[in-house]
Amino acid sequence: MELSNDGKSAEAMVMTIIYRLIDEEGNPVFRKAEKAELMRQVDPDVLSRIITTISDGTMTDEEVTKN
């Protein structure tokens, strides 16, 4: 929330994905060390779609893989 309030929406989206995405065994999909790479290489629209979907709790494995 703080990052978003500071005008760092891309960083806020990436951090949300890092902290919230887990695999079927409950392990994190991404590490905090991958933040810069995610920010450089992933389109903000894709990040936004992922966050919207995980916030709804409706993301399927296929959608995660596709993104």
C-alpha atoms as a PDB file:
ATOM      1  CA  MET A   1       0.000   0.000   0.000  1.00  0.00           C
ATOM      2  CA  GLU A   2       2.805   2.370   0.923  1.00  0.00           C
ATOM      3  CA  LEU A   3       4.548   1.870  -2.420  1.00  0.00           C
ATOM      4  CA  SER A   4       1.335   2.547  -4.287  1.00  0.00           C
ATOM      5  CA  ASN A   5       0.692   5.684  -2.260  1.00  0.00           C
ATOM      6  CA  ASP A   6       4.222   6.869  -3.082  1.00  0.00           C
ATOM      7  CA  GLY A   7       3.485   6.614  -6.825  1.00  0.00           C
ATOM      8  CA  LYS A   8       5.415   3.366  -7.248  1.00  0.00           C
ATOM      9  CA  SER A   9       2.535   1.311  -8.605  1.00  0.00           C
ATOM     10  CA  ALA A  10       4.692  -1.022 -10.727  1.00  0.00           C
ATOM     11  CA  GLU A  11       6.865  -1.857  -7.737  1.00  0.00           C
ATOM     12  CA  ALA A  12       3.760  -2.329  -5.588  1.00  0.00           C
ATOM     13  CA  MET A  13       2.311  -4.780  -8.127  1.00  0.00           C
ATOM     14  CA  VAL A  14       5.541  -6.759  -8.310  1.00  0.00           C
ATOM     15  CA  MET A  15       5.832  -6.963  -4.526  1.00  0.00           C
ATOM     16  CA  THR A  16       2.215  -8.138  -4.280  1.00  0.00           C
ATOM     17  CA  ILE A  17       2.944 -10.911  -6.762  1.00  0.00           C
ATOM     18  CA  ILE A  18       6.163 -11.883  -4.968  1.00  0.00           C
ATOM     19  CA  TYR A  19       4.415 -12.135  -1.603  1.00  0.00           C
ATOM     20  CA  ARG A  20       1.138 -13.722  -2.721  1.00  0.00           C
ATOM     21  CA  LEU A  21       1.918 -16.232  -5.468  1.00  0.00           C
ATOM     22  CA  ILE A  22       2.660 -19.701  -4.141  1.00  0.00           C
ATOM     23  CA  ASP A  23       2.880 -23.085  -5.821  1.00  0.00           C
ATOM     24  CA  GLU A  24       0.734 -26.131  -5.029  1.00  0.00           C
ATOM     25  CA  GLU A  25       3.067 -27.037  -2.153  1.00  0.00           C
ATOM     26  CA  GLY A  26       2.802 -23.580  -0.583  1.00  0.00           C
ATOM     27  CA  ASN A  27       6.261 -22.418  -1.655  1.00  0.00           C
ATOM     28  CA  PRO A  28       6.742 -18.916  -3.055  1.00  0.00           C
ATOM     29  CA  VAL A  29       6.885 -18.772  -6.853  1.00  0.00           C
ATOM     30  CA  PHE A  30       9.165 -15.714  -6.814  1.00  0.00           C
ATOM     31  CA  ARG A  31      11.779 -14.366  -4.419  1.00  0.00           C
ATOM     32  CA  LYS A  32      12.263 -10.756  -3.427  1.00  0.00           C
ATOM     33  CA  ALA A  33      15.632 -10.850  -5.230  1.00  0.00           C
ATOM     34  CA  GLU A  34      13.704 -11.229  -8.517  1.00  0.00           C
ATOM     35  CA  LYS A  35      11.875  -7.905  -8.085  1.00  0.00           C
ATOM     36  CA  ALA A  36      14.058  -5.890 -10.465  1.00  0.00           C
ATOM     37  CA  GLU A  37      13.882  -8.545 -13.154  1.00  0.00           C
ATOM     38  CA  LEU A  38      10.084  -8.760 -12.905  1.00  0.00           C
ATOM     39  CA  MET A  39       9.813  -4.986 -13.106  1.00  0.00           C
ATOM     40  CA  ARG A  40      11.998  -4.851 -16.231  1.00  0.00           C
ATOM     41  CA  GLN A  41      10.724  -7.871 -18.109  1.00  0.00           C
ATOM     42  CA  VAL A  42       7.006  -8.146 -17.378  1.00  0.00           C
ATOM     43  CA  ASP A  43       4.482  -5.843 -18.978  1.00  0.00           C
ATOM     44  CA  PRO A  44       2.588  -3.774 -16.381  1.00  0.00           C
ATOM     45  CA  ASP A  45      -0.709  -4.841 -17.976  1.00  0.00           C
ATOM     46  CA  VAL A  46       0.194  -8.484 -17.319  1.00  0.00           C
ATOM     47  CA  LEU A  47       1.111  -7.666 -13.710  1.00  0.00           C
ATOM     48  CA  SER A  48      -2.204  -5.890 -13.303  1.00  0.00           C
ATOM     49  CA  ARG A  49      -4.175  -8.829 -14.739  1.00  0.00           C
ATOM     50  CA  ILE A  50      -2.397 -11.252 -12.417  1.00  0.00           C
ATOM     51  CA  ILE A  51      -3.101  -9.103  -9.364  1.00  0.00           C
ATOM     52  CA  THR A  52      -6.728  -8.628 -10.338  1.00  0.00           C
ATOM     53  CA  THR A  53      -7.162 -12.363 -10.763  1.00  0.00           C
ATOM     54  CA  ILE A  54      -5.410 -13.383  -7.543  1.00  0.00           C
ATOM     55  CA  SER A  55      -7.391 -10.757  -5.672  1.00  0.00           C
ATOM     56  CA  ASP A  56     -10.550 -12.391  -6.997  1.00  0.00           C
ATOM     57  CA  GLY A  57      -9.154 -15.802  -6.069  1.00  0.00           C
ATOM     58  CA  THR A  58     -10.105 -17.210  -9.456  1.00  0.00           C
ATOM     59  CA  MET A  59      -6.762 -17.697 -11.204  1.00  0.00           C
ATOM     60  CA  THR A  60      -6.316 -21.176 -12.661  1.00  0.00           C
ATOM     61  CA  ASP A  61      -2.992 -22.975 -13.106  1.00  0.00           C
ATOM     62  CA  GLU A  62      -3.373 -22.488 -16.853  1.00  0.00           C
ATOM     63  CA  GLU A  63      -3.766 -18.722 -16.454  1.00  0.00           C
ATOM     64  CA  VAL A  64      -0.682 -18.526 -14.230  1.00  0.00           C
ATOM     65  CA  THR A  65       1.369 -20.486 -16.750  1.00  0.00           C
ATOM     66  CA  LYS A  66       0.082 -18.431 -19.684  1.00  0.00           C
ATOM     67  CA  ASN A  67       1.003 -15.135 -18.037  1.00  0.00           C
END
